[in-house]
Each structure stands twice: as structure tokens, then as C-alpha cells.
Amino acid sequence: MTIIDGKSIAMQIKQEIKNEIKQNNLEVCLAVVLVGNDPASQTYVRNKKIACEQVNIKSLEFLLGEKVTQEKLNELLDELSLRHDINAILLQLPLPKHLNSQEALSHINPSKDVDGLTIANMGNLFCGSPSTVPCTPKGVIYLIKSVCPDITGKEVVVVGRSNLVGKPLAFLLL
């Protein structure tokens, strides 16, 4: 059995990102939109902020109340998509039940869609065109290839079919 040391690989990747940002004198900014008070989502967003700090990426949080309207959420995403100081947008999912996630995602500029969940990025991924790949599936592939560089012909099982992990991972493994 091969054990993959994910923490060590993550530290290496973070160092590479930090070096690239410094060497190229980049100003990178992630906008995170969190709706409601879901504890798991709050933890995830907090961890993203820490990760950004570790690699010198500016992180802006936009916290919206549980009862925000679809219109207000869409307006915020439109505004963030137009801002030149923001390179990437993360809409933390799941949203409260009264909000439509796909509608909200359609208000994110695909070039700033850090999770690769806009219809444009998902379509490009499934058509084999350049796209932003959801980070968890991309990370899984990276980890697998760290111990098995050629996965051609391998048999795998993907449990789950979410748009964020299961479907893109299954496709990437093809």
C-alpha cells in the first residue's frame, strides 16, 4: 500500500505559489461570498483565508445574511465580477434553500470562477477545452499522479456525483 503525504504536498504547492507571486510581483485577490451561518461553511471560508495569507493572496470576505434575496446575491456577484482588483470569486456552497445556486453562479465571470462551477467552465471541462477545474478533483488527480504518474487503463470508483467533486473527478479520471 502506498500512503500519499497530502500535507507535505500541500506545503510544497503553497511554497511554489508564494514564490511565483513574489517573483512575478503579482497582486492576487480572492473574493469569498458566504451566505448564512452554516458552521461547516464558516470553517471552510476561515481555512481559505488562512491559506491565502500563507501565500500572499489578498482575501476579501463578503458575508450575507441567511435571508438575503436572490437579487441582492446576484447583484453582489455581478459587482465582484466587474471589479478589476479581484482576480477570483468563490461562492461558498451550499446556499440557503430559498436561493438558486446555479442562478447565482451564472453571475460570476467565468474567468474569475475559482471553483470552475459556472456553466461555461463546466461545459469547457466536459468538452476538453481550457477551463477552470474544480479544485478538489484537480487536487485528487494531482495526489494520485504523485504516486502513479500514468493512470491510463486504471480502474477507479468515484463515490458521489456532485458538480463540485464527483462529476468533474469522474470526467478527469477518464
Protein backbone atom coordinates (compact mmCIF):
# COMPACT_ATOMS: atom_id res chain seq x y z
CA MET A 1 0.00 0.00 0.00
CA THR A 2 1.23 3.48 -0.87
CA ILE A 3 0.48 6.32 1.50
CA ILE A 4 0.19 9.78 -0.01
CA ASP A 5 1.51 12.56 2.24
CA GLY A 6 -1.04 15.22 1.33
CA LYS A 7 0.17 17.73 3.93
CA SER A 8 3.71 17.65 2.59
CA ILE A 9 2.48 18.05 -0.99
CA ALA A 10 0.20 20.93 0.04
CA MET A 11 3.12 22.72 1.74
CA GLN A 12 5.21 22.30 -1.41
CA ILE A 13 2.43 23.68 -3.64
CA LYS A 14 1.86 26.65 -1.30
CA GLN A 15 5.56 27.47 -1.41
CA GLU A 16 5.56 27.32 -5.22
CA ILE A 17 2.54 29.67 -5.36
CA LYS A 18 4.11 32.06 -2.88
CA ASN A 19 7.36 32.11 -4.91
CA GLU A 20 5.50 32.69 -8.19
CA ILE A 21 3.53 35.59 -6.71
CA LYS A 22 6.72 37.15 -5.33
CA GLN A 23 8.90 36.56 -8.42
CA ASN A 24 6.29 38.00 -10.76
CA ASN A 25 5.29 40.82 -8.40
CA LEU A 26 1.65 39.77 -8.66
CA GLU A 27 -1.25 41.25 -6.75
CA VAL A 28 -3.80 38.46 -6.40
CA CYS A 29 -7.15 38.88 -4.70
CA LEU A 30 -9.82 36.27 -3.89
CA ALA A 31 -13.35 37.39 -3.04
CA VAL A 32 -15.27 34.89 -0.93
CA VAL A 33 -19.05 35.18 -0.66
CA LEU A 34 -20.62 33.41 2.30
CA VAL A 35 -24.39 33.39 2.76
CA GLY A 36 -25.85 32.46 6.13
CA ASN A 37 -24.37 30.88 9.24
CA ASP A 38 -23.56 27.29 8.28
CA PRO A 39 -20.73 26.22 10.65
CA ALA A 40 -19.05 23.94 8.09
CA SER A 41 -19.06 26.74 5.50
CA GLN A 42 -17.67 29.20 8.04
CA THR A 43 -14.82 26.80 8.83
CA TYR A 44 -14.09 26.27 5.13
CA VAL A 45 -14.00 30.04 4.49
CA ARG A 46 -11.77 30.61 7.53
CA ASN A 47 -9.34 27.95 6.24
CA LYS A 48 -9.33 29.54 2.77
CA LYS A 49 -8.45 32.90 4.33
CA ILE A 50 -5.54 31.32 6.23
CA ALA A 51 -4.31 29.57 3.07
CA CYS A 52 -4.45 32.87 1.17
CA GLU A 53 -2.43 34.62 3.87
CA GLN A 54 0.22 31.89 3.72
CA VAL A 55 0.87 32.53 0.02
CA ASN A 56 0.36 36.32 -0.03
CA ILE A 57 -3.02 36.34 -1.71
CA LYS A 58 -5.38 39.05 -0.53
CA SER A 59 -8.70 37.65 0.64
CA LEU A 60 -11.92 39.65 0.87
CA GLU A 61 -14.96 38.23 2.64
CA PHE A 62 -18.50 39.22 1.77
CA LEU A 63 -20.86 37.92 4.44
CA LEU A 64 -24.56 37.95 3.62
CA GLY A 65 -27.42 37.16 5.97
CA GLU A 66 -29.40 33.94 5.82
CA LYS A 67 -32.42 35.75 4.37
CA VAL A 68 -30.65 37.65 1.58
CA THR A 69 -32.65 37.75 -1.64
CA GLN A 70 -31.54 36.13 -4.89
CA GLU A 71 -31.50 39.59 -6.45
CA LYS A 72 -29.10 41.00 -3.82
CA LEU A 73 -26.79 37.99 -4.08
CA ASN A 74 -26.77 38.23 -7.89
CA GLU A 75 -26.05 41.98 -7.71
CA LEU A 76 -23.06 41.39 -5.42
CA LEU A 77 -21.66 38.70 -7.74
CA ASP A 78 -22.12 41.00 -10.75
CA GLU A 79 -20.29 43.77 -8.91
CA LEU A 80 -17.41 41.50 -7.88
CA SER A 81 -17.13 40.16 -11.43
CA LEU A 82 -16.60 43.69 -12.72
CA ARG A 83 -14.01 44.72 -10.13
CA HIS A 84 -10.50 44.92 -11.57
CA ASP A 85 -8.87 44.40 -8.17
CA ILE A 86 -10.47 40.95 -7.79
CA ASN A 87 -8.95 38.02 -9.69
CA ALA A 88 -11.11 35.19 -8.37
CA ILE A 89 -14.53 34.69 -6.80
CA LEU A 90 -15.59 31.82 -4.57
CA LEU A 91 -19.30 31.46 -3.81
CA GLN A 92 -19.41 29.19 -0.77
CA LEU A 93 -21.95 26.43 -1.25
CA PRO A 94 -24.42 25.22 -0.22
CA LEU A 95 -26.64 28.27 -0.22
CA PRO A 96 -29.76 28.55 1.93
CA LYS A 97 -32.67 26.63 0.39
CA HIS A 98 -34.53 29.72 -0.90
CA LEU A 99 -31.60 30.62 -3.17
CA ASN A 100 -30.80 29.10 -6.57
CA SER A 101 -27.10 28.19 -6.70
CA GLN A 102 -26.93 27.83 -10.49
CA GLU A 103 -28.56 31.22 -11.00
CA ALA A 104 -26.09 32.80 -8.59
CA LEU A 105 -23.14 31.09 -10.28
CA SER A 106 -24.28 32.47 -13.64
CA HIS A 107 -23.49 35.94 -12.28
CA ILE A 108 -19.80 35.09 -11.78
CA ASN A 109 -17.49 35.95 -14.65
CA PRO A 110 -16.18 32.53 -15.81
CA SER A 111 -12.61 33.90 -15.84
CA LYS A 112 -12.96 34.64 -12.11
CA ASP A 113 -14.77 31.39 -11.22
CA VAL A 114 -12.24 29.85 -8.82
CA ASP A 115 -14.30 26.67 -8.31
CA GLY A 116 -14.97 26.04 -12.00
CA LEU A 117 -18.73 25.80 -11.39
CA THR A 118 -20.09 28.22 -13.97
CA ILE A 119 -21.83 26.61 -16.92
CA ALA A 120 -19.05 27.92 -19.18
CA ASN A 121 -16.29 26.29 -17.14
CA MET A 122 -18.18 23.03 -16.63
CA GLY A 123 -19.02 22.87 -20.34
CA ASN A 124 -15.42 23.55 -21.32
CA LEU A 125 -14.21 20.87 -18.91
CA PHE A 126 -16.54 18.26 -20.33
CA CYS A 127 -15.71 19.26 -23.93
CA GLY A 128 -11.98 19.11 -23.32
CA SER A 129 -11.49 22.85 -23.79
CA PRO A 130 -9.43 25.02 -21.45
CA SER A 131 -11.34 25.74 -18.26
CA THR A 132 -11.03 26.29 -14.55
CA VAL A 133 -11.19 22.83 -13.00
CA PRO A 134 -12.86 22.48 -9.59
CA CYS A 135 -10.06 22.42 -7.03
CA THR A 136 -10.91 19.23 -5.12
CA PRO A 137 -10.98 16.98 -8.21
CA LYS A 138 -7.86 18.67 -9.53
CA GLY A 139 -6.17 18.07 -6.18
CA VAL A 140 -7.22 14.42 -6.14
CA ILE A 141 -5.72 13.89 -9.60
CA TYR A 142 -2.52 15.65 -8.51
CA LEU A 143 -2.25 13.43 -5.42
CA ILE A 144 -2.90 10.24 -7.38
CA LYS A 145 -0.32 11.20 -10.00
CA SER A 146 2.22 11.93 -7.27
CA VAL A 147 2.41 8.16 -6.67
CA CYS A 148 1.15 6.85 -10.03
CA PRO A 149 2.10 9.24 -12.86
CA ASP A 150 0.34 7.17 -15.54
CA ILE A 151 -3.25 6.35 -14.66
CA THR A 152 -4.11 5.17 -18.16
CA GLY A 153 -6.16 1.98 -18.01
CA LYS A 154 -6.57 2.03 -14.24
CA GLU A 155 -9.93 1.15 -12.73
CA VAL A 156 -11.35 3.60 -10.23
CA VAL A 157 -14.53 4.13 -8.27
CA VAL A 158 -15.90 7.59 -7.61
CA VAL A 159 -18.49 7.79 -4.86
CA GLY A 160 -20.76 10.79 -5.27
CA ARG A 161 -21.96 12.84 -8.21
CA SER A 162 -21.86 16.44 -7.08
CA ASN A 163 -20.99 19.18 -9.56
CA LEU A 164 -18.10 20.26 -7.33
CA VAL A 165 -16.37 16.90 -6.82
CA GLY A 166 -17.94 13.69 -8.14
CA LYS A 167 -18.82 14.56 -11.74
CA PRO A 168 -15.65 16.52 -12.55
CA LEU A 169 -13.44 13.90 -10.86
CA ALA A 170 -15.08 11.08 -12.81
CA PHE A 171 -14.53 13.03 -16.03
CA LEU A 172 -10.90 13.87 -15.22
CA LEU A 173 -10.21 10.22 -14.48
CA LEU A 174 -11.46 9.24 -17.94
